[in-house]
Amino acid sequence: MPRDPRVAVVGHVEWVLFGRVRRLPSAGEVAHATGAFEEPAGGGAVAAVQLARLAGSSRLFTVLGEDEPGRASRRRLGELGVAVLDEPAAKPTLEPAVERTGGDPQAAREWSEDEAVPGAATRRAVTIVDERRERTITTFGERLDPAGDSGSSHWEELRELDSIYFTAGDVAALERARAAGRVLVASPRARHALGHGVPIDALVLSADDEIELAAAEPVEHEAELVVHTEGADGGRWRRRSGVQGRWAAVPPPGPAVDSYGCGDSFAAGLTFGLGAGLGLEDALRIAARCGAVCLTGAGPYERQLTARELTGGAES
């Protein structure tokens, strides 16, 4: 293995409440969740932690609100080895309207109504995992995307990197990432930044995610490599030249627990491998291991592939 690459993520963070149910409730039913816990998650956070566990450290360029979820996200991600570089979330945004009604139906607002708040609130989410180990996610509030022309001094630290994973931001942020990283890997959920002619080295998406497939279709021409993950069936890749191939899935090193974070852990593993100068086959093997290991833990961080495991240590 070459030296550890210098890595970073430009992307989003959500404060997520996790819980488990036997099955998702039908309309009108009540389901009782167990094993509840909270973590900063979302594609940017999950990938940044996975990269830190492989490379020893990583940086996350993001936006967080000056609220308790934002402060808790900074603390927790720091504990997990991620240097969080977040620009001020000063722009007005929309936060789900929640008010105490005292049980008065006339005082309750429609759940779909949003209201402007001073400053930006950190996005929240609820993730429920069923007995099939599949997750269902509901988000609350607007996703906070980094802006490359925000004037934040943190952008000066985005330079001379081996590889960057981009999950959210505007075109200016993507241009900064392109200039700073030798290898640039992106998610099609970075919807506003793609499609403006900024070349990327790899576009990574799930072959089973209709939202990602629709977002990727008009921008695939900007990517040298397009990677479709297929879960237990491995996945397929295609270069701009037309050369294509497949890789086999890696068996999980234990019982499946929770699929949350597997895709972003895979993308982080690919970003790490390409940044380390590995060939595509070896980089995909690392990525597949990252996804498989993540599947065996509750939430995104209980089990992620580590540098020790990667270099031959026992998986625990």
Protein backbone atom coordinates (compact mmCIF):
# COMPACT_ATOMS: atom_id res chain seq x y z
CA MET A 1 0.00 0.00 0.00
CA PRO A 2 1.42 3.45 -0.90
CA ARG A 3 1.50 6.16 1.74
CA ASP A 4 -1.78 7.26 3.29
CA PRO A 5 -3.41 9.80 0.98
CA ARG A 6 -4.36 13.31 2.08
CA VAL A 7 -8.14 13.27 1.93
CA ALA A 8 -11.15 15.51 2.46
CA VAL A 9 -14.91 15.65 1.97
CA VAL A 10 -17.01 18.58 0.79
CA GLY A 11 -20.58 17.86 1.76
CA HIS A 12 -23.54 17.92 4.09
CA VAL A 13 -24.31 16.82 7.63
CA GLU A 14 -27.62 15.85 9.21
CA TRP A 15 -28.32 15.20 12.90
CA VAL A 16 -30.01 11.80 12.80
CA LEU A 17 -32.15 9.92 15.31
CA PHE A 18 -31.85 6.16 14.68
CA GLY A 19 -34.28 3.47 15.79
CA ARG A 20 -35.30 -0.09 15.00
CA VAL A 21 -38.75 -1.55 14.29
CA ARG A 22 -39.91 -5.02 13.29
CA ARG A 23 -41.59 -3.55 10.23
CA LEU A 24 -42.53 -0.11 9.02
CA PRO A 25 -46.07 0.86 10.02
CA SER A 26 -48.85 1.12 7.47
CA ALA A 27 -50.99 4.25 7.32
CA GLY A 28 -52.73 4.76 10.65
CA GLU A 29 -50.57 2.25 12.55
CA VAL A 30 -48.23 2.95 15.43
CA ALA A 31 -44.80 1.31 15.57
CA HIS A 32 -42.63 1.28 18.69
CA ALA A 33 -38.93 1.76 17.95
CA THR A 34 -36.15 0.33 20.12
CA GLY A 35 -32.44 0.94 20.45
CA ALA A 36 -32.68 4.67 19.76
CA PHE A 37 -29.51 6.76 19.48
CA GLU A 38 -28.38 9.95 17.73
CA GLU A 39 -25.37 10.73 15.52
CA PRO A 40 -24.23 13.36 13.03
CA ALA A 41 -24.65 11.57 9.71
CA GLY A 42 -25.60 12.26 6.11
CA GLY A 43 -23.31 11.52 3.17
CA GLY A 44 -20.63 14.07 4.01
CA ALA A 45 -20.23 13.05 7.65
CA VAL A 46 -20.29 9.29 7.03
CA ALA A 47 -17.68 9.48 4.27
CA ALA A 48 -15.44 11.80 6.32
CA VAL A 49 -15.40 9.38 9.27
CA GLN A 50 -14.68 6.40 7.02
CA LEU A 51 -11.81 8.29 5.38
CA ALA A 52 -10.42 9.24 8.79
CA ARG A 53 -10.44 5.60 9.85
CA LEU A 54 -8.54 4.59 6.71
CA ALA A 55 -6.14 7.51 6.33
CA GLY A 56 -5.67 8.48 9.99
CA SER A 57 -7.44 11.83 9.59
CA SER A 58 -9.75 13.69 7.24
CA ARG A 59 -11.25 17.13 6.78
CA LEU A 60 -14.91 17.91 6.24
CA PHE A 61 -15.87 21.18 4.55
CA THR A 62 -19.53 21.71 5.41
CA VAL A 63 -22.18 24.05 6.84
CA LEU A 64 -23.70 23.63 10.31
CA GLY A 65 -26.21 25.76 12.17
CA GLU A 66 -25.40 27.58 15.38
CA ASP A 67 -27.81 25.33 17.23
CA GLU A 68 -27.46 22.32 19.49
CA PRO A 69 -27.43 19.75 16.66
CA GLY A 70 -24.72 21.79 14.94
CA ARG A 71 -22.60 22.04 18.09
CA ALA A 72 -23.11 18.36 18.87
CA SER A 73 -22.13 17.44 15.31
CA ARG A 74 -18.85 19.34 15.58
CA ARG A 75 -18.01 17.65 18.90
CA ARG A 76 -18.90 14.13 17.83
CA LEU A 77 -17.18 14.29 14.44
CA GLY A 78 -14.07 15.60 16.16
CA GLU A 79 -14.16 12.58 18.48
CA LEU A 80 -14.31 10.37 15.38
CA GLY A 81 -11.15 11.89 13.90
CA VAL A 82 -12.67 14.44 11.52
CA ALA A 83 -11.53 18.06 11.38
CA VAL A 84 -14.77 19.96 10.75
CA LEU A 85 -14.33 23.17 8.75
CA ASP A 86 -17.78 24.72 8.56
CA GLU A 87 -18.56 28.11 7.17
CA PRO A 88 -21.00 30.38 9.04
CA ALA A 89 -24.59 29.36 8.41
CA ALA A 90 -25.87 32.92 8.44
CA LYS A 91 -28.22 32.82 5.48
CA PRO A 92 -31.96 32.70 6.19
CA THR A 93 -33.45 29.29 5.55
CA LEU A 94 -36.62 27.32 6.14
CA GLU A 95 -37.03 25.19 9.22
CA PRO A 96 -40.03 22.91 9.80
CA ALA A 97 -42.58 24.81 11.88
CA VAL A 98 -43.03 23.13 15.25
CA GLU A 99 -45.04 24.74 18.01
CA ARG A 100 -46.67 23.60 21.22
CA THR A 101 -50.44 23.59 20.83
CA GLY A 102 -51.54 22.48 24.29
CA GLY A 103 -53.75 19.89 22.62
CA ASP A 104 -55.84 22.55 20.87
CA PRO A 105 -56.52 21.31 17.30
CA GLN A 106 -57.31 24.86 16.18
CA ALA A 107 -53.81 25.94 17.18
CA ALA A 108 -52.01 23.26 15.20
CA ARG A 109 -50.47 24.17 11.86
CA GLU A 110 -50.27 21.96 8.82
CA TRP A 111 -47.13 19.78 9.05
CA SER A 112 -46.03 20.86 5.59
CA GLU A 113 -45.80 24.54 6.54
CA ASP A 114 -42.30 26.01 6.90
CA GLU A 115 -41.28 29.29 8.43
CA ALA A 116 -38.22 31.50 8.06
CA VAL A 117 -35.83 31.56 11.01
CA PRO A 118 -32.81 33.80 11.63
CA GLY A 119 -29.72 31.92 10.52
CA ALA A 120 -29.70 28.36 9.27
CA ALA A 121 -30.81 25.38 11.30
CA THR A 122 -28.86 22.14 11.11
CA ARG A 123 -30.90 19.62 9.16
CA ARG A 124 -32.40 16.80 11.22
CA ALA A 125 -33.51 13.34 10.17
CA VAL A 126 -35.11 10.18 11.53
CA THR A 127 -33.85 6.82 10.26
CA ILE A 128 -35.80 3.65 10.96
CA VAL A 129 -34.29 0.20 10.32
CA ASP A 130 -36.61 -2.79 9.88
CA GLU A 131 -36.01 -6.51 10.41
CA ARG A 132 -34.71 -6.83 6.84
CA ARG A 133 -31.90 -4.42 7.88
CA GLU A 134 -33.17 -1.83 5.38
CA ARG A 135 -33.37 1.84 6.40
CA THR A 136 -36.06 4.43 5.75
CA ILE A 137 -35.17 8.10 6.18
CA THR A 138 -37.27 11.20 6.82
CA THR A 139 -35.51 14.58 6.80
CA PHE A 140 -36.58 17.84 8.46
CA GLY A 141 -35.42 21.16 7.08
CA GLU A 142 -33.29 22.31 4.19
CA ARG A 143 -29.97 20.64 3.41
CA LEU A 144 -27.13 23.10 4.10
CA ASP A 145 -24.71 23.07 1.14
CA PRO A 146 -21.24 24.68 1.27
CA ALA A 147 -20.84 27.74 -0.98
CA GLY A 148 -17.50 28.13 -2.70
CA ASP A 149 -17.80 31.93 -2.88
CA SER A 150 -18.90 32.39 0.76
CA GLY A 151 -15.68 34.13 1.72
CA SER A 152 -14.99 31.60 4.46
CA SER A 153 -11.30 31.38 5.35
CA HIS A 154 -11.70 27.60 5.66
CA TRP A 155 -11.55 27.26 1.90
CA GLU A 156 -7.86 28.22 2.04
CA GLU A 157 -7.24 24.84 3.71
CA LEU A 158 -8.73 22.96 0.75
CA ARG A 159 -5.52 22.52 -1.24
CA GLU A 160 -2.87 19.99 -2.28
CA LEU A 161 -4.99 16.94 -1.52
CA ASP A 162 -4.73 13.48 -3.05
CA SER A 163 -8.46 12.87 -3.17
CA ILE A 164 -11.75 14.56 -2.32
CA TYR A 165 -15.28 13.17 -2.08
CA PHE A 166 -18.00 15.70 -2.95
CA THR A 167 -21.59 15.15 -1.76
CA ALA A 168 -23.05 18.67 -1.60
CA GLY A 169 -22.21 22.24 -2.51
CA ASP A 170 -22.55 24.77 -5.30
CA VAL A 171 -20.60 25.04 -8.56
CA ALA A 172 -17.98 27.30 -6.97
CA ALA A 173 -17.40 24.71 -4.23
CA LEU A 174 -17.00 21.96 -6.83
CA GLU A 175 -14.52 24.11 -8.76
CA ARG A 176 -12.51 24.59 -5.57
CA ALA A 177 -12.53 20.84 -4.95
CA ARG A 178 -11.42 20.17 -8.52
CA ALA A 179 -8.52 22.59 -8.20
CA ALA A 180 -7.45 21.17 -4.82
CA GLY A 181 -7.64 17.43 -5.40
CA ARG A 182 -5.70 15.18 -7.73
CA VAL A 183 -8.70 12.81 -7.65
CA LEU A 184 -12.28 14.08 -7.36
CA VAL A 185 -15.10 11.63 -6.62
CA ALA A 186 -18.70 12.85 -6.51
CA SER A 187 -22.21 11.73 -5.59
CA PRO A 188 -25.09 12.58 -7.95
CA ARG A 189 -26.86 14.01 -4.90
CA ALA A 190 -24.52 17.00 -5.30
CA ARG A 191 -27.25 18.03 -7.69
CA HIS A 192 -26.73 21.80 -7.95
CA ALA A 193 -22.99 21.56 -8.61
CA LEU A 194 -23.04 18.98 -11.39
CA GLY A 195 -23.81 19.60 -15.04
CA HIS A 196 -21.78 22.79 -15.39
CA GLY A 197 -18.71 21.39 -17.07
CA VAL A 198 -16.51 20.69 -14.04
CA PRO A 199 -14.73 17.39 -14.79
CA ILE A 200 -14.83 14.67 -12.12
CA ASP A 201 -12.83 11.48 -11.95
CA ALA A 202 -15.58 9.21 -10.62
CA LEU A 203 -19.33 9.43 -10.10
CA VAL A 204 -20.62 6.88 -7.56
CA LEU A 205 -24.28 5.95 -7.20
CA SER A 206 -26.63 3.14 -6.22
CA ALA A 207 -28.16 1.17 -9.08
CA ASP A 208 -31.30 0.77 -6.93
CA ASP A 209 -31.80 4.44 -6.08
CA GLU A 210 -34.18 6.10 -8.54
CA ILE A 211 -33.29 9.60 -7.31
CA GLU A 212 -29.58 9.06 -7.83
CA LEU A 213 -30.10 7.39 -11.22
CA ALA A 214 -32.21 10.32 -12.45
CA ALA A 215 -29.71 12.87 -11.15
CA ALA A 216 -26.73 11.03 -12.66
CA GLU A 217 -28.08 10.50 -16.17
CA PRO A 218 -27.63 14.07 -17.51
CA VAL A 219 -24.19 14.55 -15.94
CA GLU A 220 -22.44 11.22 -16.52
CA HIS A 221 -20.52 12.76 -19.43
CA GLU A 222 -18.58 14.89 -16.95
CA ALA A 223 -17.15 11.80 -15.23
CA GLU A 224 -14.19 9.75 -16.42
CA LEU A 225 -15.60 6.79 -14.46
CA VAL A 226 -19.19 5.95 -13.48
CA VAL A 227 -19.67 3.38 -10.70
CA HIS A 228 -23.02 1.69 -9.96
CA THR A 229 -23.24 -0.23 -6.67
CA GLU A 230 -25.59 -3.24 -6.53
CA GLY A 231 -25.42 -4.30 -2.89
CA ALA A 232 -24.98 -8.06 -2.46
CA ASP A 233 -24.42 -8.40 -6.22
CA GLY A 234 -21.29 -6.22 -6.20
CA GLY A 235 -21.57 -3.62 -8.95
CA ARG A 236 -20.49 -2.38 -12.34
CA TRP A 237 -18.30 0.40 -13.70
CA ARG A 238 -17.86 2.14 -17.03
CA ARG A 239 -15.15 4.48 -18.26
CA ARG A 240 -15.79 7.37 -20.63
CA SER A 241 -13.93 5.41 -23.31
CA GLY A 242 -16.60 2.71 -23.16
CA VAL A 243 -14.47 0.15 -21.31
CA GLN A 244 -16.55 -1.45 -18.58
CA GLY A 245 -16.48 -4.19 -16.00
CA ARG A 246 -17.84 -5.56 -12.73
CA TRP A 247 -16.63 -6.35 -9.24
CA ALA A 248 -17.83 -8.99 -6.81
CA ALA A 249 -19.34 -8.18 -3.44
CA VAL A 250 -17.27 -8.83 -0.32
CA PRO A 251 -19.02 -11.04 2.27
CA PRO A 252 -19.78 -9.08 5.45
CA PRO A 253 -17.49 -10.07 8.35
CA GLY A 254 -20.51 -10.78 10.55
CA PRO A 255 -24.33 -10.71 10.61
CA ALA A 256 -26.03 -7.86 8.75
CA VAL A 257 -27.31 -5.23 11.21
CA ASP A 258 -28.03 -1.95 9.42
CA SER A 259 -27.59 -0.74 5.83
CA TYR A 260 -27.34 2.95 6.77
CA GLY A 261 -24.02 4.40 5.65
CA CYS A 262 -22.93 1.46 3.47
CA GLY A 263 -23.06 3.44 0.23
CA ASP A 264 -21.15 6.44 1.54
CA SER A 265 -18.60 4.16 3.22
CA PHE A 266 -18.13 2.47 -0.15
CA ALA A 267 -17.62 5.83 -1.87
CA ALA A 268 -15.13 6.86 0.81
CA GLY A 269 -13.20 3.63 0.30
CA LEU A 270 -13.03 4.26 -3.43
CA THR A 271 -11.88 7.84 -2.81
CA PHE A 272 -9.18 6.55 -0.46
CA GLY A 273 -7.96 3.88 -2.88
CA LEU A 274 -7.79 6.15 -5.91
CA GLY A 275 -6.12 8.86 -3.84
CA ALA A 276 -3.52 6.34 -2.69
CA GLY A 277 -2.64 5.67 -6.32
CA LEU A 278 -4.15 2.19 -6.50
CA GLY A 279 -5.54 0.76 -9.69
CA LEU A 280 -9.30 0.59 -10.14
CA GLU A 281 -9.58 -3.11 -9.24
CA ASP A 282 -7.76 -2.66 -5.93
CA ALA A 283 -9.61 0.57 -5.11
CA LEU A 284 -12.97 -1.13 -5.73
CA ARG A 285 -11.94 -4.02 -3.49
CA ILE A 286 -11.27 -1.59 -0.63
CA ALA A 287 -14.56 0.18 -1.32
CA ALA A 288 -16.48 -3.10 -1.27
CA ARG A 289 -14.88 -4.03 2.05
CA CYS A 290 -15.90 -0.66 3.50
CA GLY A 291 -19.54 -1.20 2.52
CA ALA A 292 -19.57 -4.78 3.82
CA VAL A 293 -18.05 -3.89 7.20
CA CYS A 294 -20.45 -0.96 7.70
CA LEU A 295 -23.38 -3.34 7.20
CA THR A 296 -22.43 -5.22 10.38
CA GLY A 297 -22.84 -2.29 12.78
CA ALA A 298 -25.73 -0.22 14.13
CA GLY A 299 -25.76 3.17 12.44
CA PRO A 300 -22.86 4.38 10.32
CA TYR A 301 -20.02 4.36 12.86
CA GLU A 302 -20.26 1.26 15.04
CA ARG A 303 -18.40 -0.71 12.35
CA GLN A 304 -16.32 0.84 9.59
CA LEU A 305 -13.16 -0.55 8.03
CA THR A 306 -9.99 0.70 9.76
CA ALA A 307 -6.42 1.08 8.56
CA ARG A 308 -5.35 -1.79 10.82
CA GLU A 309 -7.92 -4.11 9.29
CA LEU A 310 -6.97 -2.95 5.81
CA THR A 311 -3.32 -3.82 6.31
CA GLY A 312 -4.01 -7.26 7.71
CA GLY A 313 -5.22 -6.85 11.29
CA ALA A 314 -8.18 -8.91 12.47
CA GLU A 315 -11.64 -7.50 11.85
CA SER A 316 -13.56 -7.10 15.10
